[in-house]
Amino acid sequence: MERAGLTRIDDDRCNLLRWKGMFIDAMWDPKVPHGNDRAFWCHLTQNCLGPDSQLVDEYECNETRKCYKAL
């Protein structure tokens, strides 16, 4: 599971925001360094730009964008 505190993934994020940590269902091992590659993408466009051609990440995907979908 995604470790809390590494990114600002809150309940107010866009429902279309995706990141690698969503798809890793494993317990965190403290002996393994965390990569935190911060690879985000939009579920609609399937790349790092949203439908409005703006950057996709945990800060930019918010309620101020037209493409934003609440959880």
Protein backbone atom coordinates (compact mmCIF):
# COMPACT_ATOMS: atom_id res chain seq x y z
CA MET A 1 0.00 0.00 0.00
CA GLU A 2 1.11 3.58 -0.60
CA ARG A 3 2.98 4.94 2.42
CA ALA A 4 1.31 7.94 3.96
CA GLY A 5 3.22 11.22 4.07
CA LEU A 6 5.23 10.76 0.87
CA THR A 7 2.76 12.60 -1.34
CA ARG A 8 -0.31 14.75 -0.78
CA ILE A 9 -2.85 12.12 -1.80
CA ASP A 10 -5.92 13.26 0.13
CA ASP A 11 -9.63 12.64 -0.14
CA ASP A 12 -9.99 15.90 -2.10
CA ARG A 13 -7.90 14.59 -5.02
CA CYS A 14 -9.34 14.02 -8.47
CA ASN A 15 -10.96 10.64 -9.04
CA LEU A 16 -9.10 10.41 -12.38
CA LEU A 17 -5.63 10.77 -10.81
CA ARG A 18 -3.56 7.57 -10.94
CA TRP A 19 -0.12 6.71 -9.55
CA LYS A 20 1.98 3.57 -9.26
CA GLY A 21 1.37 3.16 -5.53
CA MET A 22 -2.33 2.49 -6.20
CA PHE A 23 -1.44 -0.81 -7.87
CA ILE A 24 1.10 -2.20 -5.42
CA ASP A 25 -0.55 -4.32 -2.75
CA ALA A 26 2.39 -5.16 -0.52
CA MET A 27 3.46 -4.43 3.01
CA TRP A 28 6.21 -1.85 3.28
CA ASP A 29 9.61 -3.32 4.18
CA PRO A 30 11.73 -0.78 6.12
CA LYS A 31 14.92 -2.48 4.86
CA VAL A 32 14.08 -1.54 1.26
CA PRO A 33 14.61 2.12 0.35
CA HIS A 34 11.50 3.84 -0.98
CA GLY A 35 11.86 5.10 -4.55
CA ASN A 36 9.03 7.69 -4.55
CA ASP A 37 9.24 8.12 -8.32
CA ARG A 38 6.12 10.33 -8.28
CA ALA A 39 4.82 8.96 -11.58
CA PHE A 40 1.27 10.31 -11.98
CA TRP A 41 -1.11 10.00 -14.91
CA CYS A 42 -4.71 10.79 -15.81
CA HIS A 43 -7.15 7.91 -16.18
CA LEU A 44 -8.84 9.65 -19.13
CA THR A 45 -5.78 10.58 -21.17
CA GLN A 46 -3.50 7.77 -19.95
CA ASN A 47 -0.51 10.12 -19.81
CA CYS A 48 0.99 12.88 -17.67
CA LEU A 49 -1.27 15.56 -19.15
CA GLY A 50 -4.95 15.88 -18.35
CA PRO A 51 -7.77 16.55 -20.84
CA ASP A 52 -7.05 20.27 -20.44
CA SER A 53 -3.39 19.73 -21.51
CA GLN A 54 -2.14 20.64 -18.03
CA LEU A 55 0.26 18.65 -15.87
CA VAL A 56 -1.17 15.80 -13.77
CA ASP A 57 0.02 15.39 -10.18
CA GLU A 58 -1.22 15.36 -6.61
CA TYR A 59 -1.19 19.17 -6.36
CA GLU A 60 -2.35 20.25 -9.81
CA CYS A 61 -5.36 17.89 -10.01
CA ASN A 62 -7.76 19.90 -7.88
CA GLU A 63 -11.23 21.44 -7.98
CA THR A 64 -10.01 24.50 -9.91
CA ARG A 65 -9.69 22.45 -13.13
CA LYS A 66 -12.62 21.83 -15.48
CA CYS A 67 -11.74 18.13 -15.81
CA TYR A 68 -11.75 17.57 -12.02
CA LYS A 69 -13.97 14.72 -10.77
CA ALA A 70 -14.49 14.51 -7.02
CA LEU A 71 -14.04 11.15 -5.29
